[in-house]
Amino acid sequence: MRTDAVLPRAGVRAGEVDPGGQRLGDATSAEDLKRALAGSQAVVSAVGPGRARRSDLASRTARALVPAAEATGVRRVVVLSAFGVGDTLRDYKAVPRIAIRLLLSDVFGDKAVADDLAVLTG
């Protein structure tokens, strides 16, 4: 089994290898993802905004990941989402639901776009 780190960071050079032997790249770059996915059977995408309350990282990553997976023949794509994204928001009680809508609507909306992209291709 091979593990490659394709990170959503500026300044990471494609194909660079870290001290642990992982090849590095930009998770929002379809070309970097193609290099990382070559020869793989599956991919797990677990990107998140960190502490940011506004982010489009999940959707930008999904927009690069879907064509990269298709181009390399990877048929199993797992996208880690979050409880409260999409239809699961209704499963929260009223106070947390309001807090999510007020504080995390951008991040959760972005994750919903990424979820939809992964499901539609799938």
PDB file of N, CA and C in Angstrom:
ATOM      1  N   MET A   1       0.844  -1.177   0.000  1.00  0.00           N
ATOM      2  CA  MET A   1       0.000   0.000   0.000  1.00  0.00           C
ATOM      3  C   MET A   1       0.888   1.238   0.000  1.00  0.00           C
ATOM      4  N   ARG A   2       0.506   2.221  -0.791  1.00  0.00           N
ATOM      5  CA  ARG A   2       1.269   3.456  -0.909  1.00  0.00           C
ATOM      6  C   ARG A   2       0.434   4.612  -0.379  1.00  0.00           C
ATOM      7  N   THR A   3       1.051   5.511   0.333  1.00  0.00           N
ATOM      8  CA  THR A   3       0.365   6.696   0.835  1.00  0.00           C
ATOM      9  C   THR A   3       1.075   7.927   0.296  1.00  0.00           C
ATOM     10  N   ASP A   4       0.350   8.768  -0.396  1.00  0.00           N
ATOM     11  CA  ASP A   4       0.896  10.030  -0.883  1.00  0.00           C
ATOM     12  C   ASP A   4       0.146  11.162  -0.221  1.00  0.00           C
ATOM     13  N   ALA A   5       0.850  12.205   0.106  1.00  0.00           N
ATOM     14  CA  ALA A   5       0.231  13.387   0.695  1.00  0.00           C
ATOM     15  C   ALA A   5       0.130  14.443  -0.392  1.00  0.00           C
ATOM     16  N   VAL A   6      -1.067  14.799  -0.724  1.00  0.00           N
ATOM     17  CA  VAL A   6      -1.284  15.888  -1.664  1.00  0.00           C
ATOM     18  C   VAL A   6      -1.972  16.963  -0.848  1.00  0.00           C
ATOM     19  N   LEU A   7      -1.208  17.979  -0.526  1.00  0.00           N
ATOM     20  CA  LEU A   7      -1.617  18.958   0.471  1.00  0.00           C
ATOM     21  C   LEU A   7      -2.187  20.223  -0.149  1.00  0.00           C
ATOM     22  N   PRO A   8      -3.161  20.823   0.509  1.00  0.00           N
ATOM     23  CA  PRO A   8      -3.721  22.076   0.002  1.00  0.00           C
ATOM     24  C   PRO A   8      -2.912  23.277   0.474  1.00  0.00           C
ATOM     25  N   ARG A   9      -1.636  23.294   0.135  1.00  0.00           N
ATOM     26  CA  ARG A   9      -0.770  24.386   0.578  1.00  0.00           C
ATOM     27  C   ARG A   9      -0.044  25.000  -0.602  1.00  0.00           C
ATOM     28  N   ALA A  10       0.046  26.299  -0.586  1.00  0.00           N
ATOM     29  CA  ALA A  10       0.846  26.977  -1.596  1.00  0.00           C
ATOM     30  C   ALA A  10       2.314  26.690  -1.307  1.00  0.00           C
ATOM     31  N   GLY A  11       3.097  26.619  -2.330  1.00  0.00           N
ATOM     32  CA  GLY A  11       4.529  26.439  -2.162  1.00  0.00           C
ATOM     33  C   GLY A  11       4.981  24.990  -2.078  1.00  0.00           C
ATOM     34  N   VAL A  12       4.060  24.045  -2.139  1.00  0.00           N
ATOM     35  CA  VAL A  12       4.436  22.637  -2.151  1.00  0.00           C
ATOM     36  C   VAL A  12       4.755  22.283  -3.594  1.00  0.00           C
ATOM     37  N   ARG A  13       5.957  21.786  -3.830  1.00  0.00           N
ATOM     38  CA  ARG A  13       6.354  21.439  -5.191  1.00  0.00           C
ATOM     39  C   ARG A  13       5.874  20.042  -5.545  1.00  0.00           C
ATOM     40  N   ALA A  14       5.242  19.927  -6.687  1.00  0.00           N
ATOM     41  CA  ALA A  14       4.727  18.631  -7.142  1.00  0.00           C
ATOM     42  C   ALA A  14       5.861  17.619  -7.245  1.00  0.00           C
ATOM     43  N   GLY A  15       5.615  16.436  -6.727  1.00  0.00           N
ATOM     44  CA  GLY A  15       6.587  15.358  -6.811  1.00  0.00           C
ATOM     45  C   GLY A  15       7.647  15.390  -5.730  1.00  0.00           C
ATOM     46  N   GLU A  16       7.691  16.446  -4.942  1.00  0.00           N
ATOM     47  CA  GLU A  16       8.650  16.544  -3.846  1.00  0.00           C
ATOM     48  C   GLU A  16       8.365  15.406  -2.862  1.00  0.00           C
ATOM     49  N   VAL A  17       9.414  14.872  -2.274  1.00  0.00           N
ATOM     50  CA  VAL A  17       9.255  13.778  -1.315  1.00  0.00           C
ATOM     51  C   VAL A  17       9.646  14.288   0.063  1.00  0.00           C
ATOM     52  N   ASP A  18       8.771  14.055   1.048  1.00  0.00           N
ATOM     53  CA  ASP A  18       9.069  14.503   2.410  1.00  0.00           C
ATOM     54  C   ASP A  18       9.970  13.469   3.096  1.00  0.00           C
ATOM     55  N   PRO A  19      10.489  13.791   4.290  1.00  0.00           N
ATOM     56  CA  PRO A  19      11.387  12.858   4.980  1.00  0.00           C
ATOM     57  C   PRO A  19      10.771  11.484   5.255  1.00  0.00           C
ATOM     58  N   GLY A  20       9.448  11.393   5.311  1.00  0.00           N
ATOM     59  CA  GLY A  20       8.793  10.105   5.544  1.00  0.00           C
ATOM     60  C   GLY A  20       8.578   9.301   4.274  1.00  0.00           C
ATOM     61  N   GLY A  21       8.999   9.835   3.136  1.00  0.00           N
ATOM     62  CA  GLY A  21       8.882   9.107   1.881  1.00  0.00           C
ATOM     63  C   GLY A  21       7.600   9.374   1.109  1.00  0.00           C
ATOM     64  N   GLN A  22       6.772  10.291   1.591  1.00  0.00           N
ATOM     65  CA  GLN A  22       5.538  10.612   0.878  1.00  0.00           C
ATOM     66  C   GLN A  22       5.818  11.627  -0.226  1.00  0.00           C
ATOM     67  N   ARG A  23       5.212  11.379  -1.391  1.00  0.00           N
ATOM     68  CA  ARG A  23       5.287  12.369  -2.459  1.00  0.00           C
ATOM     69  C   ARG A  23       4.296  13.474  -2.146  1.00  0.00           C
ATOM     70  N   LEU A  24       4.699  14.698  -2.364  1.00  0.00           N
ATOM     71  CA  LEU A  24       3.846  15.835  -2.024  1.00  0.00           C
ATOM     72  C   LEU A  24       3.310  16.507  -3.278  1.00  0.00           C
ATOM     73  N   GLY A  25       2.243  17.249  -3.109  1.00  0.00           N
ATOM     74  CA  GLY A  25       1.667  18.007  -4.201  1.00  0.00           C
ATOM     75  C   GLY A  25       0.553  18.891  -3.692  1.00  0.00           C
ATOM     76  N   ASP A  26      -0.097  19.572  -4.605  1.00  0.00           N
ATOM     77  CA  ASP A  26      -1.178  20.498  -4.279  1.00  0.00           C
ATOM     78  C   ASP A  26      -2.509  19.796  -4.512  1.00  0.00           C
ATOM     79  N   ALA A  27      -3.333  19.680  -3.482  1.00  0.00           N
ATOM     80  CA  ALA A  27      -4.605  18.961  -3.564  1.00  0.00           C
ATOM     81  C   ALA A  27      -5.618  19.635  -4.469  1.00  0.00           C
ATOM     82  N   THR A  28      -5.362  20.864  -4.869  1.00  0.00           N
ATOM     83  CA  THR A  28      -6.291  21.554  -5.766  1.00  0.00           C
ATOM     84  C   THR A  28      -5.803  21.515  -7.214  1.00  0.00           C
ATOM     85  N   SER A  29      -4.744  20.774  -7.461  1.00  0.00           N
ATOM     86  CA  SER A  29      -4.175  20.661  -8.801  1.00  0.00           C
ATOM     87  C   SER A  29      -4.473  19.277  -9.374  1.00  0.00           C
ATOM     88  N   ALA A  30      -5.237  19.236 -10.469  1.00  0.00           N
ATOM     89  CA  ALA A  30      -5.549  17.949 -11.095  1.00  0.00           C
ATOM     90  C   ALA A  30      -4.276  17.242 -11.540  1.00  0.00           C
ATOM     91  N   GLU A  31      -3.291  17.980 -12.013  1.00  0.00           N
ATOM     92  CA  GLU A  31      -2.034  17.357 -12.457  1.00  0.00           C
ATOM     93  C   GLU A  31      -1.292  16.712 -11.288  1.00  0.00           C
ATOM     94  N   ASP A  32      -1.208  17.404 -10.156  1.00  0.00           N
ATOM     95  CA  ASP A  32      -0.560  16.822  -8.975  1.00  0.00           C
ATOM     96  C   ASP A  32      -1.320  15.591  -8.498  1.00  0.00           C
ATOM     97  N   LEU A  33      -2.643  15.670  -8.533  1.00  0.00           N
ATOM     98  CA  LEU A  33      -3.453  14.533  -8.099  1.00  0.00           C
ATOM     99  C   LEU A  33      -3.295  13.346  -9.043  1.00  0.00           C
ATOM    100  N   LYS A  34      -3.194  13.597 -10.341  1.00  0.00           N
ATOM    101  CA  LYS A  34      -2.972  12.501 -11.293  1.00  0.00           C
ATOM    102  C   LYS A  34      -1.675  11.769 -10.972  1.00  0.00           C
ATOM    103  N   ARG A  35      -0.615  12.524 -10.688  1.00  0.00           N
ATOM    104  CA  ARG A  35       0.664  11.898 -10.333  1.00  0.00           C
ATOM    105  C   ARG A  35       0.519  11.057  -9.062  1.00  0.00           C
ATOM    106  N   ALA A  36      -0.191  11.578  -8.096  1.00  0.00           N
ATOM    107  CA  ALA A  36      -0.355  10.858  -6.829  1.00  0.00           C
ATOM    108  C   ALA A  36      -1.248   9.627  -6.981  1.00  0.00           C
ATOM    109  N   LEU A  37      -2.235   9.701  -7.864  1.00  0.00           N
ATOM    110  CA  LEU A  37      -3.202   8.610  -8.016  1.00  0.00           C
ATOM    111  C   LEU A  37      -2.747   7.515  -8.965  1.00  0.00           C
ATOM    112  N   ALA A  38      -1.734   7.773  -9.762  1.00  0.00           N
ATOM    113  CA  ALA A  38      -1.271   6.777 -10.734  1.00  0.00           C
ATOM    114  C   ALA A  38      -0.999   5.445 -10.037  1.00  0.00           C
ATOM    115  N   GLY A  39      -1.645   4.393 -10.526  1.00  0.00           N
ATOM    116  CA  GLY A  39      -1.457   3.060  -9.975  1.00  0.00           C
ATOM    117  C   GLY A  39      -2.284   2.755  -8.735  1.00  0.00           C
ATOM    118  N   SER A  40      -3.108   3.691  -8.307  1.00  0.00           N
ATOM    119  CA  SER A  40      -3.934   3.491  -7.109  1.00  0.00           C
ATOM    120  C   SER A  40      -5.281   2.887  -7.476  1.00  0.00           C
ATOM    121  N   GLN A  41      -5.884   2.231  -6.518  1.00  0.00           N
ATOM    122  CA  GLN A  41      -7.224   1.683  -6.702  1.00  0.00           C
ATOM    123  C   GLN A  41      -8.280   2.541  -6.022  1.00  0.00           C
ATOM    124  N   ALA A  42      -7.873   3.332  -5.035  1.00  0.00           N
ATOM    125  CA  ALA A  42      -8.820   4.147  -4.271  1.00  0.00           C
ATOM    126  C   ALA A  42      -8.125   5.406  -3.766  1.00  0.00           C
ATOM    127  N   VAL A  43      -8.951   6.388  -3.426  1.00  0.00           N
ATOM    128  CA  VAL A  43      -8.437   7.623  -2.845  1.00  0.00           C
ATOM    129  C   VAL A  43      -9.390   8.075  -1.746  1.00  0.00           C
ATOM    130  N   VAL A  44      -8.815   8.616  -0.682  1.00  0.00           N
ATOM    131  CA  VAL A  44      -9.593   9.199   0.404  1.00  0.00           C
ATOM    132  C   VAL A  44      -9.234  10.685   0.463  1.00  0.00           C
ATOM    133  N   SER A  45     -10.234  11.523   0.354  1.00  0.00           N
ATOM    134  CA  SER A  45     -10.034  12.961   0.451  1.00  0.00           C
ATOM    135  C   SER A  45     -10.548  13.427   1.802  1.00  0.00           C
ATOM    136  N   ALA A  46      -9.651  13.971   2.594  1.00  0.00           N
ATOM    137  CA  ALA A  46     -10.016  14.430   3.943  1.00  0.00           C
ATOM    138  C   ALA A  46      -9.488  15.844   4.159  1.00  0.00           C
ATOM    139  N   VAL A  47      -9.880  16.744   3.285  1.00  0.00           N
ATOM    140  CA  VAL A  47      -9.431  18.129   3.411  1.00  0.00           C
ATOM    141  C   VAL A  47     -10.423  18.917   4.243  1.00  0.00           C
ATOM    142  N   GLY A  48      -9.927  19.922   4.894  1.00  0.00           N
ATOM    143  CA  GLY A  48     -10.777  20.785   5.691  1.00  0.00           C
ATOM    144  C   GLY A  48     -10.161  22.162   5.794  1.00  0.00           C
ATOM    145  N   PRO A  49     -10.929  23.118   6.249  1.00  0.00           N
ATOM    146  CA  PRO A  49     -10.476  24.503   6.271  1.00  0.00           C
ATOM    147  C   PRO A  49      -9.598  24.867   7.464  1.00  0.00           C
ATOM    148  N   GLY A  50      -9.305  23.905   8.318  1.00  0.00           N
ATOM    149  CA  GLY A  50      -8.565  24.250   9.535  1.00  0.00           C
ATOM    150  C   GLY A  50      -9.437  25.109  10.417  1.00  0.00           C
ATOM    151  N   ARG A  51      -8.939  26.240  10.826  1.00  0.00           N
ATOM    152  CA  ARG A  51      -9.707  27.125  11.698  1.00  0.00           C
ATOM    153  C   ARG A  51     -10.490  28.197  10.945  1.00  0.00           C
ATOM    154  N   ALA A  52     -10.375  28.183   9.640  1.00  0.00           N
ATOM    155  CA  ALA A  52     -11.046  29.208   8.831  1.00  0.00           C
ATOM    156  C   ALA A  52     -12.561  29.039   8.874  1.00  0.00           C
ATOM    157  N   ARG A  53     -13.253  30.143   8.915  1.00  0.00           N
ATOM    158  CA  ARG A  53     -14.722  30.103   8.877  1.00  0.00           C
ATOM    159  C   ARG A  53     -15.251  30.310   7.470  1.00  0.00           C
ATOM    160  N   ARG A  54     -14.358  30.653   6.558  1.00  0.00           N
ATOM    161  CA  ARG A  54     -14.715  30.792   5.149  1.00  0.00           C
ATOM    162  C   ARG A  54     -13.660  30.059   4.341  1.00  0.00           C
ATOM    163  N   SER A  55     -14.122  29.186   3.463  1.00  0.00           N
ATOM    164  CA  SER A  55     -13.184  28.412   2.664  1.00  0.00           C
ATOM    165  C   SER A  55     -13.894  27.797   1.475  1.00  0.00           C
ATOM    166  N   ASP A  56     -13.173  27.681   0.381  1.00  0.00           N
ATOM    167  CA  ASP A  56     -13.673  26.943  -0.774  1.00  0.00           C
ATOM    168  C   ASP A  56     -12.739  25.773  -1.087  1.00  0.00           C
ATOM    169  N   LEU A  57     -11.955  25.380  -0.101  1.00  0.00           N
ATOM    170  CA  LEU A  57     -10.961  24.327  -0.300  1.00  0.00           C
ATOM    171  C   LEU A  57     -11.580  22.993  -0.694  1.00  0.00           C
ATOM    172  N   ALA A  58     -12.649  22.589  -0.042  1.00  0.00           N
ATOM    173  CA  ALA A  58     -13.252  21.285  -0.335  1.00  0.00           C
ATOM    174  C   ALA A  58     -13.749  21.216  -1.775  1.00  0.00           C
ATOM    175  N   SER A  59     -14.430  22.247  -2.241  1.00  0.00           N
ATOM    176  CA  SER A  59     -14.946  22.216  -3.616  1.00  0.00           C
ATOM    177  C   SER A  59     -13.813  22.334  -4.633  1.00  0.00           C
ATOM    178  N   ARG A  60     -12.785  23.154  -4.357  1.00  0.00           N
ATOM    179  CA  ARG A  60     -11.651  23.250  -5.279  1.00  0.00           C
ATOM    180  C   ARG A  60     -10.924  21.906  -5.372  1.00  0.00           C
ATOM    181  N   THR A  61     -10.793  21.227  -4.233  1.00  0.00           N
ATOM    182  CA  THR A  61     -10.151  19.912  -4.238  1.00  0.00           C
ATOM    183  C   THR A  61     -10.995  18.906  -5.017  1.00  0.00           C
ATOM    184  N   ALA A  62     -12.300  18.899  -4.788  1.00  0.00           N
ATOM    185  CA  ALA A  62     -13.184  17.968  -5.508  1.00  0.00           C
ATOM    186  C   ALA A  62     -13.153  18.237  -7.013  1.00  0.00           C
ATOM    187  N   ARG A  63     -13.106  19.500  -7.397  1.00  0.00           N
ATOM    188  CA  ARG A  63     -13.064  19.833  -8.831  1.00  0.00           C
ATOM    189  C   ARG A  63     -11.776  19.343  -9.490  1.00  0.00           C
ATOM    190  N   ALA A  64     -10.719  19.217  -8.737  1.00  0.00           N
ATOM    191  CA  ALA A  64      -9.468  18.663  -9.270  1.00  0.00           C
ATOM    192  C   ALA A  64      -9.442  17.141  -9.139  1.00  0.00           C
ATOM    193  N   LEU A  65      -9.999  16.621  -8.047  1.00  0.00           N
ATOM    194  CA  LEU A  65      -9.937  15.188  -7.765  1.00  0.00           C
ATOM    195  C   LEU A  65     -10.781  14.362  -8.731  1.00  0.00           C
ATOM    196  N   VAL A  66     -11.966  14.825  -9.059  1.00  0.00           N
ATOM    197  CA  VAL A  66     -12.861  14.043  -9.921  1.00  0.00           C
ATOM    198  C   VAL A  66     -12.214  13.761 -11.281  1.00  0.00           C
ATOM    199  N   PRO A  67     -11.730  14.778 -12.003  1.00  0.00           N
ATOM    200  CA  PRO A  67     -11.100  14.458 -13.297  1.00  0.00           C
ATOM    201  C   PRO A  67      -9.794  13.676 -13.145  1.00  0.00           C
ATOM    202  N   ALA A  68      -9.063  13.906 -12.061  1.00  0.00           N
ATOM    203  CA  ALA A  68      -7.814  13.151 -11.850  1.00  0.00           C
ATOM    204  C   ALA A  68      -8.116  11.682 -11.625  1.00  0.00           C
ATOM    205  N   ALA A  69      -9.144  11.385 -10.846  1.00  0.00           N
ATOM    206  CA  ALA A  69      -9.522   9.991 -10.604  1.00  0.00           C
ATOM    207  C   ALA A  69      -9.993   9.343 -11.906  1.00  0.00           C
ATOM    208  N   GLU A  70     -10.802  10.058 -12.663  1.00  0.00           N
ATOM    209  CA  GLU A  70     -11.279   9.519 -13.941  1.00  0.00           C
ATOM    210  C   GLU A  70     -10.119   9.257 -14.889  1.00  0.00           C
ATOM    211  N   ALA A  71      -9.171  10.189 -14.961  1.00  0.00           N
ATOM    212  CA  ALA A  71      -8.035  10.056 -15.877  1.00  0.00           C
ATOM    213  C   ALA A  71      -7.114   8.901 -15.504  1.00  0.00           C
ATOM    214  N   THR A  72      -7.034   8.580 -14.231  1.00  0.00           N
ATOM    215  CA  THR A  72      -6.119   7.522 -13.789  1.00  0.00           C
ATOM    216  C   THR A  72      -6.819   6.193 -13.540  1.00  0.00           C
ATOM    217  N   GLY A  73      -8.126   6.151 -13.772  1.00  0.00           N
ATOM    218  CA  GLY A  73      -8.861   4.905 -13.601  1.00  0.00           C
ATOM    219  C   GLY A  73      -9.189   4.547 -12.165  1.00  0.00           C
ATOM    220  N   VAL A  74      -9.060   5.499 -11.266  1.00  0.00           N
ATOM    221  CA  VAL A  74      -9.420   5.249  -9.863  1.00  0.00           C
ATOM    222  C   VAL A  74     -10.934   5.309  -9.755  1.00  0.00           C
ATOM    223  N   ARG A  75     -11.530   4.195  -9.355  1.00  0.00           N
ATOM    224  CA  ARG A  75     -12.992   4.119  -9.317  1.00  0.00           C
ATOM    225  C   ARG A  75     -13.564   4.278  -7.916  1.00  0.00           C
ATOM    226  N   ARG A  76     -12.731   4.205  -6.902  1.00  0.00           N
ATOM    227  CA  ARG A  76     -13.219   4.342  -5.525  1.00  0.00           C
ATOM    228  C   ARG A  76     -12.704   5.650  -4.945  1.00  0.00           C
ATOM    229  N   VAL A  77     -13.620   6.576  -4.737  1.00  0.00           N
ATOM    230  CA  VAL A  77     -13.286   7.881  -4.172  1.00  0.00           C
ATOM    231  C   VAL A  77     -14.133   8.071  -2.923  1.00  0.00           C
ATOM    232  N   VAL A  78     -13.473   8.264  -1.802  1.00  0.00           N
ATOM    233  CA  VAL A  78     -14.156   8.519  -0.534  1.00  0.00           C
ATOM    234  C   VAL A  78     -13.862   9.961  -0.146  1.00  0.00           C
ATOM    235  N   VAL A  79     -14.920  10.733   0.056  1.00  0.00           N
ATOM    236  CA  VAL A  79     -14.764  12.132   0.459  1.00  0.00           C
ATOM    237  C   VAL A  79     -15.291  12.265   1.881  1.00  0.00           C
ATOM    238  N   LEU A  80     -14.410  12.649   2.800  1.00  0.00           N
ATOM    239  CA  LEU A  80     -14.805  12.860   4.183  1.00  0.00           C
ATOM    240  C   LEU A  80     -15.535  14.194   4.274  1.00  0.00           C
ATOM    241  N   SER A  81     -16.738  14.157   4.754  1.00  0.00           N
ATOM    242  CA  SER A  81     -17.545  15.362   4.863  1.00  0.00           C
ATOM    243  C   SER A  81     -17.635  15.756   6.332  1.00  0.00           C
ATOM    244  N   ALA A  82     -18.778  16.252   6.750  1.00  0.00           N
ATOM    245  CA  ALA A  82     -18.968  16.650   8.146  1.00  0.00           C
ATOM    246  C   ALA A  82     -20.437  16.500   8.519  1.00  0.00           C
ATOM    247  N   PHE A  83     -20.681  16.112   9.749  1.00  0.00           N
ATOM    248  CA  PHE A  83     -22.056  16.034  10.229  1.00  0.00           C
ATOM    249  C   PHE A  83     -22.619  17.445  10.264  1.00  0.00           C
ATOM    250  N   GLY A  84     -23.751  17.628   9.640  1.00  0.00           N
ATOM    251  CA  GLY A  84     -24.355  18.951   9.538  1.00  0.00           C
ATOM    252  C   GLY A  84     -24.310  19.494   8.125  1.00  0.00           C
ATOM    253  N   VAL A  85     -23.593  18.806   7.243  1.00  0.00           N
ATOM    254  CA  VAL A  85     -23.535  19.212   5.843  1.00  0.00           C
ATOM    255  C   VAL A  85     -24.724  18.590   5.122  1.00  0.00           C
ATOM    256  N   GLY A  86     -25.354  19.388   4.273  1.00  0.00           N
ATOM    257  CA  GLY A  86     -26.469  18.865   3.480  1.00  0.00           C
ATOM    258  C   GLY A  86     -27.651  18.462   4.345  1.00  0.00           C
ATOM    259  N   ASP A  87     -28.220  17.304   4.040  1.00  0.00           N
ATOM    260  CA  ASP A  87     -29.427  16.836   4.719  1.00  0.00           C
ATOM    261  C   ASP A  87     -29.212  16.530   6.196  1.00  0.00           C
ATOM    262  N   THR A  88     -27.971  16.302   6.626  1.00  0.00           N
ATOM    263  CA  THR A  88     -27.745  15.945   8.032  1.00  0.00           C
ATOM    264  C   THR A  88     -27.907  17.130   8.973  1.00  0.00           C
ATOM    265  N   LEU A  89     -27.982  18.356   8.451  1.00  0.00           N
ATOM    266  CA  LEU A  89     -28.182  19.522   9.316  1.00  0.00           C
ATOM    267  C   LEU A  89     -29.483  19.392  10.100  1.00  0.00           C
ATOM    268  N   ARG A  90     -30.481  18.804   9.490  1.00  0.00           N
ATOM    269  CA  ARG A  90     -31.778  18.665  10.172  1.00  0.00           C
ATOM    270  C   ARG A  90     -31.701  17.743  11.387  1.00  0.00           C
ATOM    271  N   ASP A  91     -30.651  16.927  11.490  1.00  0.00           N
ATOM    272  CA  ASP A  91     -30.506  16.007  12.610  1.00  0.00           C
ATOM    273  C   ASP A  91     -29.965  16.674  13.872  1.00  0.00           C
ATOM    274  N   TYR A  92     -29.525  17.915  13.754  1.00  0.00           N
ATOM    275  CA  TYR A  92     -29.084  18.680  14.924  1.00  0.00           C
ATOM    276  C   TYR A  92     -30.297  19.262  15.641  1.00  0.00           C
ATOM    277  N   LYS A  93     -30.157  19.509  16.910  1.00  0.00           N
ATOM    278  CA  LYS A  93     -31.176  20.244  17.666  1.00  0.00           C
ATOM    279  C   LYS A  93     -31.117  21.712  17.221  1.00  0.00           C
ATOM    280  N   ALA A  94     -32.088  22.491  17.617  1.00  0.00           N
ATOM    281  CA  ALA A  94     -32.252  23.862  17.132  1.00  0.00           C
ATOM    282  C   ALA A  94     -31.050  24.756  17.390  1.00  0.00           C
ATOM    283  N   VAL A  95     -30.508  24.777  18.605  1.00  0.00           N
ATOM    284  CA  VAL A  95     -29.413  25.704  18.931  1.00  0.00           C
ATOM    285  C   VAL A  95     -28.154  25.403  18.107  1.00  0.00           C
ATOM    286  N   PRO A  96     -27.675  24.146  18.050  1.00  0.00           N
ATOM    287  CA  PRO A  96     -26.500  23.888  17.205  1.00  0.00           C
ATOM    288  C   PRO A  96     -26.774  24.172  15.723  1.00  0.00           C
ATOM    289  N   ARG A  97     -27.990  23.906  15.268  1.00  0.00           N
ATOM    290  CA  ARG A  97     -28.338  24.163  13.870  1.00  0.00           C
ATOM    291  C   ARG A  97     -28.226  25.656  13.563  1.00  0.00           C
ATOM    292  N   ILE A  98     -28.689  26.485  14.484  1.00  0.00           N
ATOM    293  CA  ILE A  98     -28.599  27.939  14.302  1.00  0.00           C
ATOM    294  C   ILE A  98     -27.132  28.378  14.309  1.00  0.00           C
ATOM    295  N   ALA A  99     -26.354  27.834  15.228  1.00  0.00           N
ATOM    296  CA  ALA A  99     -24.927  28.184  15.304  1.00  0.00           C
ATOM    297  C   ALA A  99     -24.206  27.813  14.015  1.00  0.00           C
ATOM    298  N   ILE A 100     -24.497  26.636  13.485  1.00  0.00           N
ATOM    299  CA  ILE A 100     -23.868  26.215  12.229  1.00  0.00           C
ATOM    300  C   ILE A 100     -24.247  27.169  11.107  1.00  0.00           C
ATOM    301  N   ARG A 101     -25.510  27.521  11.035  1.00  0.00           N
ATOM    302  CA  ARG A 101     -25.949  28.432   9.975  1.00  0.00           C
ATOM    303  C   ARG A 101     -25.290  29.805  10.099  1.00  0.00           C
ATOM    304  N   LEU A 102     -25.090  30.264  11.334  1.00  0.00           N
ATOM    305  CA  LEU A 102     -24.488  31.582  11.542  1.00  0.00           C
ATOM    306  C   LEU A 102     -22.970  31.579  11.371  1.00  0.00           C
ATOM    307  N   LEU A 103     -22.305  30.557  11.893  1.00  0.00           N
ATOM    308  CA  LEU A 103     -20.851  30.562  11.953  1.00  0.00           C
ATOM    309  C   LEU A 103     -20.148  29.748  10.873  1.00  0.00           C
ATOM    310  N   LEU A 104     -20.785  28.715  10.391  1.00  0.00           N
ATOM    311  CA  LEU A 104     -20.096  27.791   9.485  1.00  0.00           C
ATOM    312  C   LEU A 104     -20.798  27.601   8.145  1.00  0.00           C
ATOM    313  N   SER A 105     -21.706  28.482   7.808  1.00  0.00           N
ATOM    314  CA  SER A 105     -22.476  28.275   6.580  1.00  0.00           C
ATOM    315  C   SER A 105     -21.589  28.233   5.340  1.00  0.00           C
ATOM    316  N   ASP A 106     -20.539  29.053   5.280  1.00  0.00           N
ATOM    317  CA  ASP A 106     -19.645  29.042   4.114  1.00  0.00           C
ATOM    318  C   ASP A 106     -18.884  27.725   4.007  1.00  0.00           C
ATOM    319  N   VAL A 107     -18.312  27.287   5.109  1.00  0.00           N
ATOM    320  CA  VAL A 107     -17.533  26.044   5.111  1.00  0.00           C
ATOM    321  C   VAL A 107     -18.425  24.849   4.813  1.00  0.00           C
ATOM    322  N   PHE A 108     -19.576  24.787   5.467  1.00  0.00           N
ATOM    323  CA  PHE A 108     -20.469  23.651   5.255  1.00  0.00           C
ATOM    324  C   PHE A 108     -21.073  23.692   3.851  1.00  0.00           C
ATOM    325  N   GLY A 109     -21.338  24.884   3.330  1.00  0.00           N
ATOM    326  CA  GLY A 109     -21.821  24.999   1.951  1.00  0.00           C
ATOM    327  C   GLY A 109     -20.778  24.509   0.965  1.00  0.00           C
ATOM    328  N   ASP A 110     -19.522  24.831   1.226  1.00  0.00           N
ATOM    329  CA  ASP A 110     -18.433  24.371   0.371  1.00  0.00           C
ATOM    330  C   ASP A 110     -18.309  22.847   0.425  1.00  0.00           C
ATOM    331  N   LYS A 111     -18.418  22.284   1.614  1.00  0.00           N
ATOM    332  CA  LYS A 111     -18.363  20.811   1.744  1.00  0.00           C
ATOM    333  C   LYS A 111     -19.533  20.165   1.008  1.00  0.00           C
ATOM    334  N   ALA A 112     -20.704  20.794   1.042  1.00  0.00           N
ATOM    335  CA  ALA A 112     -21.864  20.253   0.328  1.00  0.00           C
ATOM    336  C   ALA A 112     -21.609  20.221  -1.180  1.00  0.00           C
ATOM    337  N   VAL A 113     -20.962  21.264  -1.715  1.00  0.00           N
ATOM    338  CA  VAL A 113     -20.611  21.288  -3.141  1.00  0.00           C
ATOM    339  C   VAL A 113     -19.664  20.134  -3.449  1.00  0.00           C
ATOM    340  N   ALA A 114     -18.652  19.940  -2.606  1.00  0.00           N
ATOM    341  CA  ALA A 114     -17.698  18.842  -2.808  1.00  0.00           C
ATOM    342  C   ALA A 114     -18.398  17.490  -2.743  1.00  0.00           C
ATOM    343  N   ASP A 115     -19.291  17.320  -1.784  1.00  0.00           N
ATOM    344  CA  ASP A 115     -20.052  16.066  -1.667  1.00  0.00           C
ATOM    345  C   ASP A 115     -20.843  15.811  -2.945  1.00  0.00           C
ATOM    346  N   ASP A 116     -21.520  16.843  -3.435  1.00  0.00           N
ATOM    347  CA  ASP A 116     -22.338  16.697  -4.649  1.00  0.00           C
ATOM    348  C   ASP A 116     -21.466  16.333  -5.851  1.00  0.00           C
ATOM    349  N   LEU A 117     -20.304  16.943  -5.982  1.00  0.00           N
ATOM    350  CA  LEU A 117     -19.417  16.615  -7.091  1.00  0.00           C
ATOM    351  C   LEU A 117     -18.988  15.160  -7.033  1.00  0.00           C
ATOM    352  N   ALA A 118     -18.669  14.678  -5.849  1.00  0.00           N
ATOM    353  CA  ALA A 118     -18.231  13.286  -5.704  1.00  0.00           C
ATOM    354  C   ALA A 118     -19.379  12.325  -5.994  1.00  0.00           C
ATOM    355  N   VAL A 119     -20.569  12.632  -5.537  1.00  0.00           N
ATOM    356  CA  VAL A 119     -21.725  11.756  -5.750  1.00  0.00           C
ATOM    357  C   VAL A 119     -22.127  11.732  -7.218  1.00  0.00           C
ATOM    358  N   LEU A 120     -22.130  12.877  -7.861  1.00  0.00           N
ATOM    359  CA  LEU A 120     -22.550  12.962  -9.264  1.00  0.00           C
ATOM    360  C   LEU A 120     -21.651  12.182 -10.209  1.00  0.00           C
ATOM    361  N   THR A 121     -20.402  12.019  -9.833  1.00  0.00           N
ATOM    362  CA  THR A 121     -19.469  11.317 -10.711  1.00  0.00           C
ATOM    363  C   THR A 121     -19.495   9.829 -10.471  1.00  0.00           C
ATOM    364  N   GLY A 122     -20.168   9.422  -9.424  1.00  0.00           N
ATOM    365  CA  GLY A 122     -20.156   8.165  -9.096  1.00  0.00           C
ATOM    366  C   GLY A 122     -20.442   6.907  -8.958  1.00  0.00           C
TER     367      GLY A 122
END
